[in-house]
């Protein structure tokens, strides 16, 4: 079992950058595939990015490709989401998640076993 805690959210102007961190306060992330999701007000939670348990592959939703980068540091028990060229439509609560699945990149929220509490990202125009 793993317990996840996000940090790094905040208010930023359009075109700016933020780096979200998600640290495991209990357990280790090294055997889990990891993902980032987001939920804007009045909308369903949506997939943002995923990284395999072995750090060999990443995958992104189309709207963030080329702007966001997911990475993991197993030694620090942390997964990151670097967000550049932010847009107002990126405004949402961002969640990290961990899954025991090892069948490639996991993009379905129901396939994740553990979730963080979320961190708010607000991008002003």
N, C-alpha and C. Protein backbone atom coordinates (compact mmCIF):
# COMPACT_ATOMS: atom_id res chain seq x y z
N UNK A 1 0.85 -1.19 0.00
CA UNK A 1 0.00 0.00 0.00
C UNK A 1 0.88 1.24 0.00
N UNK A 2 0.40 2.30 -0.67
CA UNK A 2 1.16 3.53 -0.76
C UNK A 2 0.23 4.71 -0.51
N UNK A 3 0.73 5.72 0.16
CA UNK A 3 -0.02 6.95 0.44
C UNK A 3 0.67 8.09 -0.28
N UNK A 4 -0.10 8.84 -1.06
CA UNK A 4 0.46 9.87 -1.94
C UNK A 4 0.06 11.26 -1.49
N UNK A 5 1.01 12.20 -1.59
CA UNK A 5 0.76 13.58 -1.20
C UNK A 5 1.29 14.50 -2.29
N UNK A 6 0.37 15.28 -2.90
CA UNK A 6 0.77 16.22 -3.94
C UNK A 6 1.16 17.56 -3.35
N UNK A 7 1.98 18.29 -4.10
CA UNK A 7 2.34 19.66 -3.75
C UNK A 7 2.77 20.38 -5.03
N UNK A 8 2.90 21.70 -4.93
CA UNK A 8 3.40 22.47 -6.05
C UNK A 8 2.36 23.25 -6.83
N UNK A 9 1.10 23.07 -6.49
CA UNK A 9 0.07 23.83 -7.19
C UNK A 9 0.11 25.30 -6.81
N UNK A 10 -0.69 26.09 -7.52
CA UNK A 10 -0.75 27.51 -7.22
C UNK A 10 -1.37 28.30 -8.34
N UNK A 11 -1.20 29.61 -8.26
CA UNK A 11 -1.74 30.54 -9.25
C UNK A 11 -0.60 31.01 -10.15
N UNK A 12 -0.81 30.92 -11.45
CA UNK A 12 0.23 31.33 -12.41
C UNK A 12 -0.44 31.99 -13.60
N UNK A 13 0.26 32.90 -14.23
CA UNK A 13 -0.28 33.55 -15.44
C UNK A 13 -0.13 32.62 -16.64
N UNK A 14 -0.98 32.83 -17.61
CA UNK A 14 -0.88 32.06 -18.86
C UNK A 14 0.51 32.20 -19.45
N UNK A 15 1.04 31.09 -19.91
CA UNK A 15 2.39 31.05 -20.43
C UNK A 15 3.44 30.68 -19.40
N UNK A 16 3.05 30.66 -18.15
CA UNK A 16 3.97 30.33 -17.08
C UNK A 16 4.14 28.84 -16.87
N UNK A 17 4.90 28.50 -15.83
CA UNK A 17 5.22 27.10 -15.55
C UNK A 17 5.00 26.78 -14.08
N UNK A 18 4.71 25.52 -13.84
CA UNK A 18 4.63 24.97 -12.49
C UNK A 18 5.18 23.55 -12.53
N UNK A 19 5.73 23.11 -11.42
CA UNK A 19 6.11 21.72 -11.30
C UNK A 19 5.38 21.11 -10.11
N UNK A 20 4.55 20.13 -10.39
CA UNK A 20 3.85 19.40 -9.34
C UNK A 20 4.71 18.22 -8.89
N UNK A 21 4.65 17.98 -7.60
CA UNK A 21 5.33 16.82 -7.02
C UNK A 21 4.31 15.94 -6.32
N UNK A 22 4.59 14.67 -6.30
CA UNK A 22 3.72 13.72 -5.61
C UNK A 22 4.64 12.74 -4.89
N UNK A 23 4.68 12.85 -3.59
CA UNK A 23 5.58 12.02 -2.80
C UNK A 23 4.79 10.94 -2.06
N UNK A 24 5.41 9.80 -1.92
CA UNK A 24 4.79 8.72 -1.15
C UNK A 24 5.20 8.89 0.31
N UNK A 25 4.20 9.20 1.14
CA UNK A 25 4.49 9.36 2.56
C UNK A 25 4.52 8.02 3.28
N UNK A 26 3.98 7.01 2.63
CA UNK A 26 4.01 5.66 3.17
C UNK A 26 4.14 4.71 2.00
N UNK A 27 4.97 3.71 2.12
CA UNK A 27 5.19 2.77 1.03
C UNK A 27 6.19 3.30 0.04
N UNK A 28 6.41 2.53 -1.02
CA UNK A 28 7.36 2.90 -2.06
C UNK A 28 6.69 2.85 -3.42
N UNK A 29 7.06 3.80 -4.29
CA UNK A 29 6.41 3.90 -5.60
C UNK A 29 7.12 3.04 -6.65
N UNK A 30 8.26 2.46 -6.32
CA UNK A 30 9.11 1.85 -7.34
C UNK A 30 8.44 0.73 -8.12
N UNK A 31 7.46 0.06 -7.55
CA UNK A 31 6.80 -1.05 -8.24
C UNK A 31 5.47 -0.67 -8.87
N UNK A 32 5.14 0.62 -8.84
CA UNK A 32 3.85 1.09 -9.35
C UNK A 32 4.03 1.90 -10.63
N UNK A 33 3.09 1.72 -11.54
CA UNK A 33 2.93 2.68 -12.61
C UNK A 33 2.20 3.89 -12.02
N UNK A 34 2.49 5.06 -12.56
CA UNK A 34 1.99 6.30 -11.97
C UNK A 34 1.30 7.17 -13.02
N UNK A 35 0.38 7.97 -12.54
CA UNK A 35 -0.33 8.84 -13.46
C UNK A 35 -0.74 10.14 -12.81
N UNK A 36 -1.04 11.11 -13.65
CA UNK A 36 -1.62 12.38 -13.22
C UNK A 36 -2.97 12.55 -13.90
N UNK A 37 -3.94 12.99 -13.14
CA UNK A 37 -5.28 13.30 -13.63
C UNK A 37 -5.63 14.70 -13.17
N UNK A 38 -6.67 15.25 -13.75
CA UNK A 38 -7.13 16.56 -13.31
C UNK A 38 -8.64 16.64 -13.42
N UNK A 39 -9.20 17.53 -12.60
CA UNK A 39 -10.65 17.73 -12.61
C UNK A 39 -10.95 19.21 -12.47
N UNK A 40 -11.58 19.75 -13.49
CA UNK A 40 -12.00 21.14 -13.48
C UNK A 40 -13.42 21.23 -12.92
N UNK A 41 -13.82 22.40 -12.40
CA UNK A 41 -15.17 22.55 -11.84
C UNK A 41 -16.25 22.17 -12.84
N UNK A 42 -17.16 21.32 -12.41
CA UNK A 42 -18.26 20.93 -13.27
C UNK A 42 -17.93 19.91 -14.34
N UNK A 43 -16.69 19.41 -14.31
CA UNK A 43 -16.28 18.45 -15.33
C UNK A 43 -15.81 17.15 -14.67
N UNK A 44 -15.77 16.10 -15.48
CA UNK A 44 -15.29 14.82 -14.97
C UNK A 44 -13.76 14.82 -14.88
N UNK A 45 -13.26 13.94 -14.04
CA UNK A 45 -11.82 13.78 -13.92
C UNK A 45 -11.28 13.23 -15.24
N UNK A 46 -10.16 13.78 -15.71
CA UNK A 46 -9.59 13.34 -16.97
C UNK A 46 -8.11 13.00 -16.83
N UNK A 47 -7.70 12.08 -17.67
CA UNK A 47 -6.31 11.66 -17.71
C UNK A 47 -5.43 12.78 -18.24
N UNK A 48 -4.22 12.92 -17.65
CA UNK A 48 -3.27 13.92 -18.12
C UNK A 48 -1.99 13.25 -18.64
N UNK A 49 -1.38 12.40 -17.80
CA UNK A 49 -0.10 11.80 -18.18
C UNK A 49 0.11 10.52 -17.38
N UNK A 50 0.90 9.61 -17.94
CA UNK A 50 1.20 8.36 -17.26
C UNK A 50 2.64 7.97 -17.53
N UNK A 51 3.20 7.20 -16.60
CA UNK A 51 4.56 6.69 -16.75
C UNK A 51 4.57 5.25 -16.25
N UNK A 52 5.26 4.37 -16.97
CA UNK A 52 5.28 2.97 -16.59
C UNK A 52 6.10 2.74 -15.33
N UNK A 53 5.88 1.59 -14.71
CA UNK A 53 6.56 1.28 -13.46
C UNK A 53 8.07 1.23 -13.64
N UNK A 54 8.53 0.81 -14.86
CA UNK A 54 9.96 0.67 -15.13
C UNK A 54 10.58 1.91 -15.76
N UNK A 55 9.78 2.99 -15.83
CA UNK A 55 10.28 4.29 -16.31
C UNK A 55 10.67 4.27 -17.79
N UNK A 56 10.15 3.31 -18.55
CA UNK A 56 10.55 3.20 -19.95
C UNK A 56 9.64 3.96 -20.90
N UNK A 57 8.41 4.21 -20.49
CA UNK A 57 7.45 4.85 -21.39
C UNK A 57 6.60 5.87 -20.67
N UNK A 58 6.23 6.90 -21.42
CA UNK A 58 5.29 7.91 -20.93
C UNK A 58 4.22 8.15 -21.98
N UNK A 59 3.12 8.72 -21.54
CA UNK A 59 2.00 8.99 -22.45
C UNK A 59 1.24 10.19 -21.94
N UNK A 60 0.71 11.00 -22.89
CA UNK A 60 0.04 12.24 -22.53
C UNK A 60 -1.26 12.40 -23.30
N UNK A 61 -2.19 13.13 -22.71
CA UNK A 61 -3.37 13.51 -23.47
C UNK A 61 -2.92 14.53 -24.52
N UNK A 62 -3.63 14.57 -25.61
CA UNK A 62 -3.20 15.39 -26.74
C UNK A 62 -3.02 16.86 -26.37
N UNK A 63 -3.90 17.38 -25.54
CA UNK A 63 -3.88 18.82 -25.26
C UNK A 63 -2.67 19.26 -24.45
N UNK A 64 -1.93 18.33 -23.86
CA UNK A 64 -0.76 18.72 -23.06
C UNK A 64 0.55 18.24 -23.67
N UNK A 65 0.47 17.50 -24.76
CA UNK A 65 1.70 17.01 -25.40
C UNK A 65 2.59 18.17 -25.81
N UNK A 66 3.88 18.05 -25.51
CA UNK A 66 4.82 19.11 -25.83
C UNK A 66 4.90 20.20 -24.79
N UNK A 67 3.96 20.20 -23.83
CA UNK A 67 3.96 21.22 -22.78
C UNK A 67 4.22 20.62 -21.40
N UNK A 68 3.70 19.42 -21.17
CA UNK A 68 3.83 18.76 -19.87
C UNK A 68 4.80 17.60 -19.98
N UNK A 69 5.51 17.33 -18.86
CA UNK A 69 6.42 16.19 -18.80
C UNK A 69 6.25 15.48 -17.47
N UNK A 70 5.98 14.18 -17.54
CA UNK A 70 5.90 13.36 -16.33
C UNK A 70 7.24 12.67 -16.14
N UNK A 71 7.67 12.59 -14.90
CA UNK A 71 8.93 11.90 -14.59
C UNK A 71 8.82 11.31 -13.20
N UNK A 72 9.73 10.39 -12.90
CA UNK A 72 9.72 9.77 -11.58
C UNK A 72 11.15 9.64 -11.07
N UNK A 73 11.27 9.74 -9.76
CA UNK A 73 12.55 9.54 -9.10
C UNK A 73 12.29 8.54 -7.97
N UNK A 74 12.56 7.29 -8.24
CA UNK A 74 12.25 6.26 -7.25
C UNK A 74 13.10 6.42 -5.99
N UNK A 75 14.31 6.95 -6.13
CA UNK A 75 15.16 7.16 -4.96
C UNK A 75 14.52 8.17 -4.00
N UNK A 76 13.80 9.14 -4.57
CA UNK A 76 13.12 10.14 -3.75
C UNK A 76 11.65 9.78 -3.51
N UNK A 77 11.25 8.63 -4.07
CA UNK A 77 9.87 8.16 -3.87
C UNK A 77 8.85 9.20 -4.35
N UNK A 78 9.15 9.83 -5.49
CA UNK A 78 8.37 10.97 -5.95
C UNK A 78 8.16 10.91 -7.46
N UNK A 79 6.96 11.33 -7.88
CA UNK A 79 6.66 11.52 -9.29
C UNK A 79 6.37 13.00 -9.52
N UNK A 80 6.76 13.49 -10.68
CA UNK A 80 6.64 14.92 -10.98
C UNK A 80 5.80 15.14 -12.23
N UNK A 81 5.23 16.33 -12.31
CA UNK A 81 4.59 16.78 -13.54
C UNK A 81 5.07 18.21 -13.79
N UNK A 82 5.97 18.35 -14.75
CA UNK A 82 6.43 19.67 -15.16
C UNK A 82 5.46 20.22 -16.19
N UNK A 83 4.92 21.39 -15.89
CA UNK A 83 3.91 21.99 -16.76
C UNK A 83 4.42 23.33 -17.27
N UNK A 84 4.62 23.43 -18.56
CA UNK A 84 5.08 24.66 -19.20
C UNK A 84 4.01 25.22 -20.12
N UNK A 85 4.18 26.47 -20.49
CA UNK A 85 3.23 27.13 -21.42
C UNK A 85 1.79 26.92 -20.97
N UNK A 86 1.54 27.15 -19.72
CA UNK A 86 0.22 26.88 -19.16
C UNK A 86 -0.85 27.77 -19.78
N UNK A 87 -2.04 27.21 -19.89
CA UNK A 87 -3.19 27.90 -20.47
C UNK A 87 -4.31 27.95 -19.45
N UNK A 88 -5.21 28.91 -19.57
CA UNK A 88 -6.35 28.96 -18.63
C UNK A 88 -7.15 27.65 -18.59
N UNK A 89 -7.22 26.95 -19.70
CA UNK A 89 -7.96 25.68 -19.73
C UNK A 89 -7.25 24.56 -18.98
N UNK A 90 -6.02 24.79 -18.51
CA UNK A 90 -5.33 23.82 -17.66
C UNK A 90 -5.76 23.95 -16.20
N UNK A 91 -6.55 24.96 -15.88
CA UNK A 91 -7.01 25.17 -14.52
C UNK A 91 -7.83 23.98 -14.04
N UNK A 92 -7.43 23.41 -12.91
CA UNK A 92 -8.09 22.22 -12.38
C UNK A 92 -7.42 21.82 -11.07
N UNK A 93 -8.04 20.88 -10.38
CA UNK A 93 -7.36 20.18 -9.29
C UNK A 93 -6.62 19.00 -9.92
N UNK A 94 -5.34 18.89 -9.63
CA UNK A 94 -4.51 17.83 -10.20
C UNK A 94 -4.26 16.75 -9.15
N UNK A 95 -4.43 15.50 -9.58
CA UNK A 95 -4.27 14.35 -8.70
C UNK A 95 -3.19 13.42 -9.26
N UNK A 96 -2.38 12.88 -8.37
CA UNK A 96 -1.50 11.79 -8.79
C UNK A 96 -2.12 10.48 -8.32
N UNK A 97 -1.72 9.41 -9.00
CA UNK A 97 -2.29 8.11 -8.70
C UNK A 97 -1.28 7.02 -9.00
N UNK A 98 -1.46 5.88 -8.33
CA UNK A 98 -0.56 4.74 -8.50
C UNK A 98 -1.36 3.48 -8.77
N UNK A 99 -0.85 2.64 -9.65
CA UNK A 99 -1.51 1.39 -9.98
C UNK A 99 -0.51 0.25 -10.00
N UNK A 100 -1.00 -0.93 -9.61
CA UNK A 100 -0.15 -2.13 -9.62
C UNK A 100 -0.08 -2.77 -11.02
N UNK A 101 -0.90 -2.26 -11.94
CA UNK A 101 -0.92 -2.84 -13.28
C UNK A 101 0.42 -2.64 -13.98
N UNK A 102 0.83 -3.67 -14.71
CA UNK A 102 2.09 -3.60 -15.46
C UNK A 102 1.87 -3.98 -16.92
N UNK A 103 0.73 -3.56 -17.46
CA UNK A 103 0.39 -3.93 -18.83
C UNK A 103 0.49 -2.73 -19.74
N UNK A 104 1.53 -1.93 -19.57
CA UNK A 104 1.70 -0.75 -20.40
C UNK A 104 1.25 0.49 -19.66
N UNK A 105 0.86 1.49 -20.42
CA UNK A 105 0.49 2.77 -19.84
C UNK A 105 -0.99 2.76 -19.46
N UNK A 106 -1.29 3.21 -18.27
CA UNK A 106 -2.64 3.13 -17.73
C UNK A 106 -3.28 4.51 -17.80
N UNK A 107 -4.37 4.62 -18.51
CA UNK A 107 -5.02 5.92 -18.71
C UNK A 107 -6.42 5.99 -18.13
N UNK A 108 -6.92 4.88 -17.63
CA UNK A 108 -8.26 4.83 -17.08
C UNK A 108 -8.20 5.02 -15.57
N UNK A 109 -8.94 5.98 -15.05
CA UNK A 109 -8.84 6.29 -13.62
C UNK A 109 -9.25 5.11 -12.75
N UNK A 110 -10.22 4.32 -13.19
CA UNK A 110 -10.67 3.18 -12.38
C UNK A 110 -9.61 2.10 -12.24
N UNK A 111 -8.60 2.14 -13.07
CA UNK A 111 -7.51 1.15 -12.99
C UNK A 111 -6.44 1.53 -11.97
N UNK A 112 -6.56 2.70 -11.38
CA UNK A 112 -5.59 3.13 -10.38
C UNK A 112 -6.06 2.74 -8.99
N UNK A 113 -5.10 2.35 -8.16
CA UNK A 113 -5.43 1.83 -6.84
C UNK A 113 -5.34 2.88 -5.73
N UNK A 114 -4.43 3.83 -5.88
CA UNK A 114 -4.19 4.80 -4.81
C UNK A 114 -4.14 6.20 -5.40
N UNK A 115 -4.68 7.15 -4.64
CA UNK A 115 -4.80 8.53 -5.09
C UNK A 115 -4.30 9.49 -4.02
N UNK A 116 -3.74 10.62 -4.48
CA UNK A 116 -3.44 11.71 -3.59
C UNK A 116 -4.68 12.56 -3.35
N UNK A 117 -4.52 13.60 -2.55
CA UNK A 117 -5.66 14.43 -2.16
C UNK A 117 -5.92 15.55 -3.16
N UNK A 118 -4.97 15.79 -4.04
CA UNK A 118 -5.14 16.81 -5.08
C UNK A 118 -4.47 18.12 -4.71
N UNK A 119 -4.08 18.85 -5.75
CA UNK A 119 -3.50 20.18 -5.58
C UNK A 119 -4.07 21.10 -6.66
N UNK A 120 -4.46 22.30 -6.26
CA UNK A 120 -5.14 23.23 -7.17
C UNK A 120 -4.13 23.95 -8.05
N UNK A 121 -4.41 23.96 -9.33
CA UNK A 121 -3.65 24.76 -10.30
C UNK A 121 -4.61 25.74 -10.95
N UNK A 122 -4.29 27.02 -10.87
CA UNK A 122 -5.12 28.06 -11.46
C UNK A 122 -4.26 28.88 -12.41
N UNK A 123 -4.70 28.96 -13.66
CA UNK A 123 -3.96 29.71 -14.68
C UNK A 123 -4.82 30.91 -15.08
N UNK A 124 -4.30 32.10 -14.87
CA UNK A 124 -5.04 33.32 -15.20
C UNK A 124 -4.67 33.79 -16.60
N UNK A 125 -5.64 34.42 -17.25
CA UNK A 125 -5.41 34.89 -18.63
C UNK A 125 -4.88 36.30 -18.65
